PDB file of all heavy atoms in Angstrom:
ATOM      1  N   GLU A   1       0.842  -1.193  -0.005  1.00  0.00           N
ATOM      2  CA  GLU A   1       0.014   0.011  -0.007  1.00  0.00           C
ATOM      3  C   GLU A   1       0.894   1.247   0.023  1.00  0.00           C
ATOM      4  O   GLU A   1       2.073   1.201   0.362  1.00  0.00           O
ATOM      5  CB  GLU A   1      -0.907   0.025   1.239  1.00  0.00           C
ATOM      6  CG  GLU A   1      -0.116   0.142   2.546  1.00  0.00           C
ATOM      7  CD  GLU A   1      -1.031   0.339   3.760  1.00  0.00           C
ATOM      8  OE1 GLU A   1      -2.248   0.394   3.604  1.00  0.00           O
ATOM      9  OE2 GLU A   1      -0.467   0.396   4.892  1.00  0.00           O
ATOM     10  N   LYS A   2       0.286   2.360  -0.429  1.00  0.00           N
ATOM     11  CA  LYS A   2       1.003   3.622  -0.365  1.00  0.00           C
ATOM     12  C   LYS A   2       0.393   4.428   0.797  1.00  0.00           C
ATOM     13  O   LYS A   2      -0.778   4.745   0.783  1.00  0.00           O
ATOM     14  CB  LYS A   2       0.884   4.398  -1.672  1.00  0.00           C
ATOM     15  CG  LYS A   2       1.883   5.517  -1.793  1.00  0.00           C
ATOM     16  CD  LYS A   2       1.872   6.120  -3.215  1.00  0.00           C
ATOM     17  CE  LYS A   2       3.015   7.124  -3.380  1.00  0.00           C
ATOM     18  NZ  LYS A   2       3.078   7.670  -4.786  1.00  0.00           N
ATOM     19  N   LYS A   3       1.214   4.728   1.793  1.00  0.00           N
ATOM     20  CA  LYS A   3       0.752   5.428   2.947  1.00  0.00           C
ATOM     21  C   LYS A   3       1.667   6.613   3.219  1.00  0.00           C
ATOM     22  O   LYS A   3       2.904   6.487   3.256  1.00  0.00           O
ATOM     23  CB  LYS A   3       0.745   4.504   4.170  1.00  0.00           C
ATOM     24  CG  LYS A   3       0.172   5.131   5.433  1.00  0.00           C
ATOM     25  CD  LYS A   3       0.095   4.114   6.591  1.00  0.00           C
ATOM     26  CE  LYS A   3      -0.523   4.753   7.825  1.00  0.00           C
ATOM     27  NZ  LYS A   3      -0.588   3.778   8.920  1.00  0.00           N
ATOM     28  N   ASP A   4       1.059   7.764   3.356  1.00  0.00           N
ATOM     29  CA  ASP A   4       1.816   9.036   3.602  1.00  0.00           C
ATOM     30  C   ASP A   4       2.853   9.230   2.511  1.00  0.00           C
ATOM     31  O   ASP A   4       4.008   9.644   2.804  1.00  0.00           O
ATOM     32  CB  ASP A   4       2.451   9.018   4.989  1.00  0.00           C
ATOM     33  CG  ASP A   4       1.419   8.915   6.082  1.00  0.00           C
ATOM     34  OD1 ASP A   4       0.300   9.451   5.919  1.00  0.00           O
ATOM     35  OD2 ASP A   4       1.726   8.291   7.119  1.00  0.00           O
ATOM     36  N   GLY A   5       2.525   8.873   1.275  1.00  0.00           N
ATOM     37  CA  GLY A   5       3.390   9.126   0.156  1.00  0.00           C
ATOM     38  C   GLY A   5       4.484   8.089  -0.054  1.00  0.00           C
ATOM     39  O   GLY A   5       5.332   8.273  -0.932  1.00  0.00           O
ATOM     40  N   ARG A   6       4.490   7.029   0.757  1.00  0.00           N
ATOM     41  CA  ARG A   6       5.537   6.018   0.619  1.00  0.00           C
ATOM     42  C   ARG A   6       4.919   4.615   0.533  1.00  0.00           C
ATOM     43  O   ARG A   6       3.911   4.317   1.171  1.00  0.00           O
ATOM     44  CB  ARG A   6       6.511   6.061   1.814  1.00  0.00           C
ATOM     45  CG  ARG A   6       7.358   7.306   1.892  1.00  0.00           C
ATOM     46  CD  ARG A   6       8.311   7.261   3.069  1.00  0.00           C
ATOM     47  NE  ARG A   6       9.241   6.137   2.948  1.00  0.00           N
ATOM     48  CZ  ARG A   6      10.388   6.166   2.264  1.00  0.00           C
ATOM     49  NH1 ARG A   6      10.757   7.267   1.633  1.00  0.00           N
ATOM     50  NH2 ARG A   6      11.194   5.122   2.247  1.00  0.00           N
ATOM     51  N   TRP A   7       5.571   3.746  -0.260  1.00  0.00           N
ATOM     52  CA  TRP A   7       5.131   2.395  -0.399  1.00  0.00           C
ATOM     53  C   TRP A   7       5.632   1.551   0.757  1.00  0.00           C
ATOM     54  O   TRP A   7       6.743   1.697   1.212  1.00  0.00           O
ATOM     55  CB  TRP A   7       5.605   1.838  -1.712  1.00  0.00           C
ATOM     56  CG  TRP A   7       4.824   2.383  -2.886  1.00  0.00           C
ATOM     57  CD1 TRP A   7       5.222   3.378  -3.730  1.00  0.00           C
ATOM     58  CD2 TRP A   7       3.515   1.951  -3.326  1.00  0.00           C
ATOM     59  NE1 TRP A   7       4.217   3.612  -4.662  1.00  0.00           N
ATOM     60  CE2 TRP A   7       3.174   2.731  -4.450  1.00  0.00           C
ATOM     61  CE3 TRP A   7       2.608   0.981  -2.882  1.00  0.00           C
ATOM     62  CZ2 TRP A   7       1.992   2.595  -5.112  1.00  0.00           C
ATOM     63  CZ3 TRP A   7       1.423   0.817  -3.558  1.00  0.00           C
ATOM     64  CH2 TRP A   7       1.105   1.613  -4.659  1.00  0.00           C
ATOM     65  N   GLN A   8       4.775   0.619   1.204  1.00  0.00           N
ATOM     66  CA  GLN A   8       5.129  -0.314   2.277  1.00  0.00           C
ATOM     67  C   GLN A   8       4.306  -1.578   2.126  1.00  0.00           C
ATOM     68  O   GLN A   8       3.265  -1.597   1.447  1.00  0.00           O
ATOM     69  CB  GLN A   8       4.845   0.311   3.632  1.00  0.00           C
ATOM     70  CG  GLN A   8       3.392   0.595   3.911  1.00  0.00           C
ATOM     71  CD  GLN A   8       3.121   1.136   5.306  1.00  0.00           C
ATOM     72  OE1 GLN A   8       3.968   1.749   5.925  1.00  0.00           O
ATOM     73  NE2 GLN A   8       1.917   0.913   5.808  1.00  0.00           N
ATOM     74  N   TYR A   9       4.764  -2.656   2.755  1.00  0.00           N
ATOM     75  CA  TYR A   9       3.930  -3.845   2.853  1.00  0.00           C
ATOM     76  C   TYR A   9       2.727  -3.568   3.748  1.00  0.00           C
ATOM     77  O   TYR A   9       2.906  -2.934   4.813  1.00  0.00           O
ATOM     78  CB  TYR A   9       4.724  -5.031   3.376  1.00  0.00           C
ATOM     79  CG  TYR A   9       5.759  -5.538   2.422  1.00  0.00           C
ATOM     80  CD1 TYR A   9       7.135  -5.379   2.659  1.00  0.00           C
ATOM     81  CD2 TYR A   9       5.389  -6.190   1.215  1.00  0.00           C
ATOM     82  CE1 TYR A   9       8.070  -5.839   1.770  1.00  0.00           C
ATOM     83  CE2 TYR A   9       6.343  -6.650   0.331  1.00  0.00           C
ATOM     84  CZ  TYR A   9       7.679  -6.451   0.609  1.00  0.00           C
ATOM     85  OH  TYR A   9       8.613  -6.929  -0.272  1.00  0.00           O
ATOM     86  N   LEU A  10       1.561  -4.024   3.328  1.00  0.00           N
ATOM     87  CA  LEU A  10       0.377  -3.818   4.185  1.00  0.00           C
ATOM     88  C   LEU A  10       0.556  -4.627   5.451  1.00  0.00           C
ATOM     89  O   LEU A  10       0.721  -5.851   5.418  1.00  0.00           O
ATOM     90  CB  LEU A  10      -0.847  -4.322   3.386  1.00  0.00           C
ATOM     91  CG  LEU A  10      -2.221  -4.098   4.022  1.00  0.00           C
ATOM     92  CD1 LEU A  10      -2.518  -2.621   4.111  1.00  0.00           C
ATOM     93  CD2 LEU A  10      -3.259  -4.848   3.210  1.00  0.00           C
ATOM     94  N   PRO A  11       0.527  -3.941   6.603  1.00  0.00           N
ATOM     95  CA  PRO A  11       0.836  -4.638   7.875  1.00  0.00           C
ATOM     96  C   PRO A  11      -0.014  -5.863   8.145  1.00  0.00           C
ATOM     97  O   PRO A  11       0.464  -6.842   8.716  1.00  0.00           O
ATOM     98  CB  PRO A  11       0.647  -3.531   8.927  1.00  0.00           C
ATOM     99  CG  PRO A  11       0.879  -2.257   8.211  1.00  0.00           C
ATOM    100  CD  PRO A  11       0.335  -2.507   6.831  1.00  0.00           C
ATOM    101  N   SER A  12      -1.276  -5.811   7.736  1.00  0.00           N
ATOM    102  CA  SER A  12      -2.204  -6.950   8.036  1.00  0.00           C
ATOM    103  C   SER A  12      -2.124  -8.056   7.002  1.00  0.00           C
ATOM    104  O   SER A  12      -2.806  -9.063   7.159  1.00  0.00           O
ATOM    105  CB  SER A  12      -3.628  -6.411   8.086  1.00  0.00           C
ATOM    106  OG  SER A  12      -4.032  -5.824   6.841  1.00  0.00           O
ATOM    107  N   SER A  13      -1.301  -7.917   5.952  1.00  0.00           N
ATOM    108  CA  SER A  13      -1.283  -8.884   4.883  1.00  0.00           C
ATOM    109  C   SER A  13      -0.404 -10.061   5.232  1.00  0.00           C
ATOM    110  O   SER A  13       0.520  -9.959   6.049  1.00  0.00           O
ATOM    111  CB  SER A  13      -0.801  -8.231   3.580  1.00  0.00           C
ATOM    112  OG  SER A  13       0.522  -7.781   3.696  1.00  0.00           O
ATOM    113  N   ARG A  14      -0.679 -11.194   4.567  1.00  0.00           N
ATOM    114  CA  ARG A  14       0.069 -12.433   4.809  1.00  0.00           C
ATOM    115  C   ARG A  14       1.032 -12.715   3.662  1.00  0.00           C
ATOM    116  O   ARG A  14       0.827 -12.290   2.527  1.00  0.00           O
ATOM    117  CB  ARG A  14      -0.923 -13.608   4.903  1.00  0.00           C
ATOM    118  CG  ARG A  14      -1.667 -13.668   6.226  1.00  0.00           C
ATOM    119  CD  ARG A  14      -2.708 -14.753   6.167  1.00  0.00           C
ATOM    120  NE  ARG A  14      -3.286 -15.035   7.469  1.00  0.00           N
ATOM    121  CZ  ARG A  14      -4.374 -15.792   7.680  1.00  0.00           C
ATOM    122  NH1 ARG A  14      -5.003 -16.333   6.634  1.00  0.00           N
ATOM    123  NH2 ARG A  14      -4.818 -16.003   8.898  1.00  0.00           N
ATOM    124  N   ASP A  15       2.072 -13.454   3.996  1.00  0.00           N
ATOM    125  CA  ASP A  15       2.940 -14.010   2.963  1.00  0.00           C
ATOM    126  C   ASP A  15       2.246 -15.183   2.309  1.00  0.00           C
ATOM    127  O   ASP A  15       1.801 -16.101   2.997  1.00  0.00           O
ATOM    128  CB  ASP A  15       4.263 -14.490   3.578  1.00  0.00           C
ATOM    129  CG  ASP A  15       5.072 -13.351   4.180  1.00  0.00           C
ATOM    130  OD1 ASP A  15       5.072 -12.260   3.600  1.00  0.00           O
ATOM    131  OD2 ASP A  15       5.691 -13.569   5.247  1.00  0.00           O
ATOM    132  N   ILE A  16       2.178 -15.189   0.962  1.00  0.00           N
ATOM    133  CA  ILE A  16       1.514 -16.254   0.258  1.00  0.00           C
ATOM    134  C   ILE A  16       2.359 -16.694  -0.932  1.00  0.00           C
ATOM    135  O   ILE A  16       3.185 -15.959  -1.431  1.00  0.00           O
ATOM    136  CB  ILE A  16       0.104 -15.855  -0.222  1.00  0.00           C
ATOM    137  CG1 ILE A  16       0.198 -14.663  -1.180  1.00  0.00           C
ATOM    138  CG2 ILE A  16      -0.809 -15.561   0.968  1.00  0.00           C
ATOM    139  CD1 ILE A  16      -1.127 -14.357  -1.850  1.00  0.00           C
ATOM    140  N   HIS A  17       2.097 -17.900  -1.385  1.00  0.00           N
ATOM    141  CA  HIS A  17       2.594 -18.375  -2.687  1.00  0.00           C
ATOM    142  C   HIS A  17       1.475 -18.175  -3.689  1.00  0.00           C
ATOM    143  O   HIS A  17       0.320 -18.570  -3.465  1.00  0.00           O
ATOM    144  CB  HIS A  17       2.974 -19.849  -2.652  1.00  0.00           C
ATOM    145  CG  HIS A  17       4.364 -20.056  -2.118  1.00  0.00           C
ATOM    146  ND1 HIS A  17       4.782 -21.245  -1.515  1.00  0.00           N
ATOM    147  CD2 HIS A  17       5.448 -19.244  -2.050  1.00  0.00           C
ATOM    148  CE1 HIS A  17       6.051 -21.135  -1.142  1.00  0.00           C
ATOM    149  NE2 HIS A  17       6.471 -19.943  -1.462  1.00  0.00           N
ATOM    150  N   LEU A  18       1.813 -17.563  -4.820  1.00  0.00           N
ATOM    151  CA  LEU A  18       0.841 -17.114  -5.792  1.00  0.00           C
ATOM    152  C   LEU A  18       1.336 -17.393  -7.203  1.00  0.00           C
ATOM    153  O   LEU A  18       2.517 -17.142  -7.494  1.00  0.00           O
ATOM    154  CB  LEU A  18       0.612 -15.615  -5.593  1.00  0.00           C
ATOM    155  CG  LEU A  18      -0.422 -14.907  -6.454  1.00  0.00           C
ATOM    156  CD1 LEU A  18      -1.818 -15.411  -6.075  1.00  0.00           C
ATOM    157  CD2 LEU A  18      -0.356 -13.403  -6.253  1.00  0.00           C
ATOM    158  N   ILE A  19       0.478 -17.911  -8.070  1.00  0.00           N
ATOM    159  CA  ILE A  19       0.811 -18.085  -9.489  1.00  0.00           C
ATOM    160  C   ILE A  19       0.677 -16.717 -10.159  1.00  0.00           C
ATOM    161  O   ILE A  19      -0.376 -16.113 -10.159  1.00  0.00           O
ATOM    162  CB  ILE A  19      -0.103 -19.093 -10.154  1.00  0.00           C
ATOM    163  CG1 ILE A  19       0.061 -20.466  -9.508  1.00  0.00           C
ATOM    164  CG2 ILE A  19       0.211 -19.187 -11.663  1.00  0.00           C
ATOM    165  CD1 ILE A  19      -0.960 -21.504  -9.981  1.00  0.00           C
ATOM    166  N   TRP A  20       1.796 -16.210 -10.736  1.00  0.00           N
ATOM    167  CA  TRP A  20       1.800 -14.885 -11.281  1.00  0.00           C
ATOM    168  C   TRP A  20       2.004 -14.822 -12.802  1.00  0.00           C
ATOM    169  O   TRP A  20       1.813 -13.775 -13.447  1.00  0.00           O
ATOM    170  CB  TRP A  20       2.878 -14.011 -10.606  1.00  0.00           C
ATOM    171  CG  TRP A  20       4.275 -14.508 -10.762  1.00  0.00           C
ATOM    172  CD1 TRP A  20       4.913 -15.437  -9.960  1.00  0.00           C
ATOM    173  CD2 TRP A  20       5.222 -14.156 -11.764  1.00  0.00           C
ATOM    174  NE1 TRP A  20       6.187 -15.645 -10.418  1.00  0.00           N
ATOM    175  CE2 TRP A  20       6.418 -14.885 -11.489  1.00  0.00           C
ATOM    176  CE3 TRP A  20       5.212 -13.259 -12.855  1.00  0.00           C
ATOM    177  CZ2 TRP A  20       7.587 -14.751 -12.304  1.00  0.00           C
ATOM    178  CZ3 TRP A  20       6.349 -13.137 -13.632  1.00  0.00           C
ATOM    179  CH2 TRP A  20       7.493 -13.885 -13.337  1.00  0.00           C
ATOM    180  N   SER A  21       2.395 -15.975 -13.406  1.00  0.00           N
ATOM    181  CA  SER A  21       2.606 -15.990 -14.843  1.00  0.00           C
ATOM    182  C   SER A  21       2.599 -17.443 -15.317  1.00  0.00           C
ATOM    183  O   SER A  21       2.687 -18.378 -14.502  1.00  0.00           O
ATOM    184  CB  SER A  21       3.924 -15.306 -15.215  1.00  0.00           C
ATOM    185  OG  SER A  21       4.091 -15.223 -16.611  1.00  0.00           O
ATOM    186  N   TRP A  22       2.506 -17.615 -16.621  1.00  0.00           N
ATOM    187  CA  TRP A  22       2.517 -18.991 -17.167  1.00  0.00           C
ATOM    188  C   TRP A  22       3.009 -18.934 -18.597  1.00  0.00           C
ATOM    189  O   TRP A  22       3.032 -17.900 -19.255  1.00  0.00           O
ATOM    190  CB  TRP A  22       1.107 -19.575 -17.161  1.00  0.00           C
ATOM    191  CG  TRP A  22       0.132 -18.882 -18.102  1.00  0.00           C
ATOM    192  CD1 TRP A  22      -0.539 -17.714 -17.835  1.00  0.00           C
ATOM    193  CD2 TRP A  22      -0.207 -19.265 -19.414  1.00  0.00           C
ATOM    194  NE1 TRP A  22      -1.299 -17.356 -18.900  1.00  0.00           N
ATOM    195  CE2 TRP A  22      -1.132 -18.285 -19.906  1.00  0.00           C
ATOM    196  CE3 TRP A  22       0.138 -20.323 -20.257  1.00  0.00           C
ATOM    197  CZ2 TRP A  22      -1.667 -18.345 -21.198  1.00  0.00           C
ATOM    198  CZ3 TRP A  22      -0.384 -20.372 -21.531  1.00  0.00           C
ATOM    199  CH2 TRP A  22      -1.312 -19.429 -21.986  1.00  0.00           C
ATOM    200  N   MET A  23       3.424 -20.098 -19.108  1.00  0.00           N
ATOM    201  CA  MET A  23       3.781 -20.218 -20.497  1.00  0.00           C
ATOM    202  C   MET A  23       3.646 -21.671 -20.973  1.00  0.00           C
ATOM    203  O   MET A  23       3.921 -22.606 -20.223  1.00  0.00           O
ATOM    204  CB  MET A  23       5.205 -19.738 -20.782  1.00  0.00           C
ATOM    205  CG  MET A  23       6.314 -20.502 -20.090  1.00  0.00           C
ATOM    206  SD  MET A  23       7.991 -19.967 -20.530  1.00  0.00           S
ATOM    207  CE  MET A  23       8.289 -20.996 -21.998  1.00  0.00           C
ATOM    208  N   THR A  24       3.165 -21.840 -22.201  1.00  0.00           N
ATOM    209  CA  THR A  24       3.205 -23.110 -22.906  1.00  0.00           C
ATOM    210  C   THR A  24       4.484 -23.187 -23.705  1.00  0.00           C
ATOM    211  O   THR A  24       4.799 -22.243 -24.446  1.00  0.00           O
ATOM    212  CB  THR A  24       1.993 -23.278 -23.824  1.00  0.00           C
ATOM    213  OG1 THR A  24       0.781 -23.160 -23.071  1.00  0.00           O
ATOM    214  CG2 THR A  24       2.022 -24.616 -24.525  1.00  0.00           C
ATOM    215  N   ILE A  25       5.237 -24.252 -23.608  1.00  0.00           N
ATOM    216  CA  ILE A  25       6.535 -24.381 -24.286  1.00  0.00           C
ATOM    217  C   ILE A  25       6.303 -24.553 -25.786  1.00  0.00           C
ATOM    218  O   ILE A  25       5.587 -25.494 -26.220  1.00  0.00           O
ATOM    219  CB  ILE A  25       7.337 -25.556 -23.734  1.00  0.00           C
ATOM    220  CG1 ILE A  25       7.567 -25.392 -22.200  1.00  0.00           C
ATOM    221  CG2 ILE A  25       8.674 -25.684 -24.448  1.00  0.00           C
ATOM    222  CD1 ILE A  25       8.142 -26.648 -21.569  1.00  0.00           C
ATOM    223  N   GLY A  26       6.927 -23.670 -26.564  1.00  0.00           N
ATOM    224  CA  GLY A  26       6.859 -23.780 -28.002  1.00  0.00           C
ATOM    225  C   GLY A  26       8.121 -24.308 -28.626  1.00  0.00           C
ATOM    226  O   GLY A  26       8.100 -25.011 -29.649  1.00  0.00           O
ATOM    227  N   GLU A  27       9.283 -23.970 -28.012  1.00  0.00           N
ATOM    228  CA  GLU A  27      10.573 -24.413 -28.506  1.00  0.00           C
ATOM    229  C   GLU A  27      11.503 -24.571 -27.316  1.00  0.00           C
ATOM    230  O   GLU A  27      11.342 -23.923 -26.274  1.00  0.00           O
ATOM    231  CB  GLU A  27      11.189 -23.387 -29.462  1.00  0.00           C
ATOM    232  CG  GLU A  27      10.406 -23.100 -30.725  1.00  0.00           C
ATOM    233  CD  GLU A  27      11.078 -22.043 -31.557  1.00  0.00           C
ATOM    234  OE1 GLU A  27      12.146 -22.326 -32.186  1.00  0.00           O
ATOM    235  OE2 GLU A  27      10.571 -20.892 -31.571  1.00  0.00           O
ATOM    236  N   THR A  28      12.517 -25.397 -27.509  1.00  0.00           N
ATOM    237  CA  THR A  28      13.591 -25.530 -26.539  1.00  0.00           C
ATOM    238  C   THR A  28      14.917 -25.468 -27.290  1.00  0.00           C
ATOM    239  O   THR A  28      14.981 -25.797 -28.466  1.00  0.00           O
ATOM    240  CB  THR A  28      13.525 -26.826 -25.726  1.00  0.00           C
ATOM    241  OG1 THR A  28      13.799 -27.930 -26.572  1.00  0.00           O
ATOM    242  CG2 THR A  28      12.173 -26.993 -25.067  1.00  0.00           C
ATOM    243  N   PHE A  29      15.971 -25.026 -26.558  1.00  0.00           N
ATOM    244  CA  PHE A  29      17.296 -24.952 -27.208  1.00  0.00           C
ATOM    245  C   PHE A  29      18.344 -25.198 -26.146  1.00  0.00           C
ATOM    246  O   PHE A  29      18.371 -24.504 -25.117  1.00  0.00           O
ATOM    247  CB  PHE A  29      17.510 -23.558 -27.841  1.00  0.00           C
ATOM    248  CG  PHE A  29      18.484 -23.557 -28.956  1.00  0.00           C
ATOM    249  CD1 PHE A  29      18.100 -23.632 -30.284  1.00  0.00           C
ATOM    250  CD2 PHE A  29      19.866 -23.502 -28.702  1.00  0.00           C
ATOM    251  CE1 PHE A  29      18.996 -23.632 -31.332  1.00  0.00           C
ATOM    252  CE2 PHE A  29      20.799 -23.518 -29.713  1.00  0.00           C
ATOM    253  CZ  PHE A  29      20.368 -23.585 -31.050  1.00  0.00           C
ATOM    254  N   ASP A  30      19.227 -26.153 -26.400  1.00  0.00           N
ATOM    255  CA  ASP A  30      20.320 -26.468 -25.456  1.00  0.00           C
ATOM    256  C   ASP A  30      21.424 -25.458 -25.591  1.00  0.00           C
ATOM    257  O   ASP A  30      21.799 -25.075 -26.725  1.00  0.00           O
ATOM    258  CB  ASP A  30      20.834 -27.888 -25.702  1.00  0.00           C
ATOM    259  CG  ASP A  30      19.876 -28.939 -25.236  1.00  0.00           C
ATOM    260  OD1 ASP A  30      19.224 -28.753 -24.182  1.00  0.00           O
ATOM    261  OD2 ASP A  30      19.742 -29.970 -25.931  1.00  0.00           O
ATOM    262  N   LEU A  31      22.006 -25.059 -24.454  1.00  0.00           N
ATOM    263  CA  LEU A  31      23.045 -24.021 -24.431  1.00  0.00           C
ATOM    264  C   LEU A  31      24.266 -24.461 -23.656  1.00  0.00           C
ATOM    265  O   LEU A  31      25.006 -23.685 -23.084  1.00  0.00           O
ATOM    266  CB  LEU A  31      22.475 -22.750 -23.773  1.00  0.00           C
ATOM    267  CG  LEU A  31      21.236 -22.120 -24.407  1.00  0.00           C
ATOM    268  CD1 LEU A  31      20.675 -21.012 -23.523  1.00  0.00           C
ATOM    269  CD2 LEU A  31      21.515 -21.632 -25.819  1.00  0.00           C
ATOM    270  N   GLY A  32      24.489 -25.785 -23.634  1.00  0.00           N
ATOM    271  CA  GLY A  32      25.573 -26.320 -22.821  1.00  0.00           C
ATOM    272  C   GLY A  32      26.976 -26.009 -23.293  1.00  0.00           C
ATOM    273  O   GLY A  32      27.945 -26.058 -22.515  1.00  0.00           O
ATOM    274  N   THR A  33      27.138 -25.671 -24.612  1.00  0.00           N
ATOM    275  CA  THR A  33      28.462 -25.424 -25.153  1.00  0.00           C
ATOM    276  C   THR A  33      28.483 -24.024 -25.765  1.00  0.00           C
ATOM    277  O   THR A  33      27.445 -23.468 -26.076  1.00  0.00           O
ATOM    278  CB  THR A  33      28.849 -26.449 -26.206  1.00  0.00           C
ATOM    279  OG1 THR A  33      27.960 -26.311 -27.348  1.00  0.00           O
ATOM    280  CG2 THR A  33      28.716 -27.863 -25.656  1.00  0.00           C
ATOM    281  N   GLN A  34      29.687 -23.515 -25.970  1.00  0.00           N
ATOM    282  CA  GLN A  34      29.826 -22.219 -26.589  1.00  0.00           C
ATOM    283  C   GLN A  34      29.249 -22.195 -27.992  1.00  0.00           C
ATOM    284  O   GLN A  34      28.607 -21.216 -28.400  1.00  0.00           O
ATOM    285  CB  GLN A  34      31.301 -21.797 -26.629  1.00  0.00           C
ATOM    286  CG  GLN A  34      31.537 -20.405 -27.186  1.00  0.00           C
ATOM    287  CD  GLN A  34      30.926 -19.299 -26.370  1.00  0.00           C
ATOM    288  OE1 GLN A  34      30.860 -19.419 -25.148  1.00  0.00           O
ATOM    289  NE2 GLN A  34      30.440 -18.249 -27.021  1.00  0.00           N
ATOM    290  N   SER A  35      29.439 -23.258 -28.745  1.00  0.00           N
ATOM    291  CA  SER A  35      28.912 -23.314 -30.111  1.00  0.00           C
ATOM    292  C   SER A  35      27.383 -23.303 -30.112  1.00  0.00           C
ATOM    293  O   SER A  35      26.743 -22.677 -30.974  1.00  0.00           O
ATOM    294  CB  SER A  35      29.428 -24.551 -30.851  1.00  0.00           C
ATOM    295  OG  SER A  35      29.018 -25.743 -30.202  1.00  0.00           O
ATOM    296  N   GLN A  36      26.771 -23.964 -29.106  1.00  0.00           N
ATOM    297  CA  GLN A  36      25.303 -23.941 -29.011  1.00  0.00           C
ATOM    298  C   GLN A  36      24.792 -22.558 -28.660  1.00  0.00           C
ATOM    299  O   GLN A  36      23.786 -22.107 -29.182  1.00  0.00           O
ATOM    300  CB  GLN A  36      24.850 -24.969 -27.988  1.00  0.00           C
ATOM    301  CG  GLN A  36      24.975 -26.426 -28.415  1.00  0.00           C
ATOM    302  CD  GLN A  36      24.623 -27.397 -27.317  1.00  0.00           C
ATOM    303  OE1 GLN A  36      24.896 -27.150 -26.145  1.00  0.00           O
ATOM    304  NE2 GLN A  36      24.007 -28.511 -27.700  1.00  0.00           N
ATOM    305  N   ARG A  37      25.528 -21.885 -27.770  1.00  0.00           N
ATOM    306  CA  ARG A  37      25.104 -20.527 -27.420  1.00  0.00           C
ATOM    307  C   ARG A  37      25.219 -19.574 -28.615  1.00  0.00           C
ATOM    308  O   ARG A  37      24.347 -18.720 -28.817  1.00  0.00           O
ATOM    309  CB  ARG A  37      25.927 -20.016 -26.224  1.00  0.00           C
ATOM    310  CG  ARG A  37      25.598 -20.731 -24.930  1.00  0.00           C
ATOM    311  CD  ARG A  37      26.267 -20.100 -23.726  1.00  0.00           C
ATOM    312  NE  ARG A  37      27.704 -20.328 -23.705  1.00  0.00           N
ATOM    313  CZ  ARG A  37      28.317 -21.389 -23.191  1.00  0.00           C
ATOM    314  NH1 ARG A  37      27.584 -22.365 -22.647  1.00  0.00           N
ATOM    315  NH2 ARG A  37      29.624 -21.497 -23.197  1.00  0.00           N
ATOM    316  N   GLU A  38      26.266 -19.711 -29.384  1.00  0.00           N
ATOM    317  CA  GLU A  38      26.430 -18.885 -30.565  1.00  0.00           C
ATOM    318  C   GLU A  38      25.350 -19.182 -31.585  1.00  0.00           C
ATOM    319  O   GLU A  38      24.842 -18.274 -32.264  1.00  0.00           O
ATOM    320  CB  GLU A  38      27.843 -19.077 -31.169  1.00  0.00           C
ATOM    321  CG  GLU A  38      28.971 -18.569 -30.302  1.00  0.00           C
ATOM    322  CD  GLU A  38      28.834 -17.086 -29.986  1.00  0.00           C
ATOM    323  OE1 GLU A  38      28.391 -16.298 -30.859  1.00  0.00           O
ATOM    324  OE2 GLU A  38      29.136 -16.686 -28.839  1.00  0.00           O
ATOM    325  N   GLN A  39      25.015 -20.476 -31.729  1.00  0.00           N
ATOM    326  CA  GLN A  39      23.957 -20.836 -32.654  1.00  0.00           C
ATOM    327  C   GLN A  39      22.616 -20.279 -32.223  1.00  0.00           C
ATOM    328  O   GLN A  39      21.804 -19.824 -33.042  1.00  0.00           O
ATOM    329  CB  GLN A  39      23.859 -22.364 -32.769  1.00  0.00           C
ATOM    330  CG  GLN A  39      22.943 -22.854 -33.889  1.00  0.00           C
ATOM    331  CD  GLN A  39      23.406 -22.444 -35.252  1.00  0.00           C
ATOM    332  OE1 GLN A  39      24.520 -22.711 -35.650  1.00  0.00           O
ATOM    333  NE2 GLN A  39      22.525 -21.765 -35.991  1.00  0.00           N
ATOM    334  N   ALA A  40      22.351 -20.312 -30.915  1.00  0.00           N
ATOM    335  CA  ALA A  40      21.096 -19.747 -30.406  1.00  0.00           C
ATOM    336  C   ALA A  40      21.006 -18.235 -30.707  1.00  0.00           C
ATOM    337  O   ALA A  40      19.941 -17.736 -31.083  1.00  0.00           O
ATOM    338  CB  ALA A  40      20.990 -19.963 -28.910  1.00  0.00           C
ATOM    339  N   LYS A  41      22.107 -17.525 -30.544  1.00  0.00           N
ATOM    340  CA  LYS A  41      22.129 -16.086 -30.857  1.00  0.00           C
ATOM    341  C   LYS A  41      21.894 -15.840 -32.310  1.00  0.00           C
ATOM    342  O   LYS A  41      21.209 -14.865 -32.690  1.00  0.00           O
ATOM    343  CB  LYS A  41      23.459 -15.472 -30.420  1.00  0.00           C
ATOM    344  CG  LYS A  41      23.713 -15.453 -28.923  1.00  0.00           C
ATOM    345  CD  LYS A  41      25.090 -14.901 -28.595  1.00  0.00           C
ATOM    346  CE  LYS A  41      25.380 -14.960 -27.118  1.00  0.00           C
ATOM    347  NZ  LYS A  41      26.761 -14.485 -26.784  1.00  0.00           N
ATOM    348  N   ALA A  42      22.418 -16.719 -33.160  1.00  0.00           N
ATOM    349  CA  ALA A  42      22.204 -16.572 -34.610  1.00  0.00           C
ATOM    350  C   ALA A  42      20.777 -16.892 -35.006  1.00  0.00           C
ATOM    351  O   ALA A  42      20.168 -16.210 -35.832  1.00  0.00           O
ATOM    352  CB  ALA A  42      23.182 -17.479 -35.364  1.00  0.00           C
TER     353      ALA A  42
END
């Protein structure tokens, strides 16, 4: 919350685990070697 012009954690709020983003995998690329990393950049 913003209180008296400054941001702070809301004192009454709890720490939680929350799903904040998601993705479906479309491609994968291995980067274990320098040549693989250069190929990925290309």
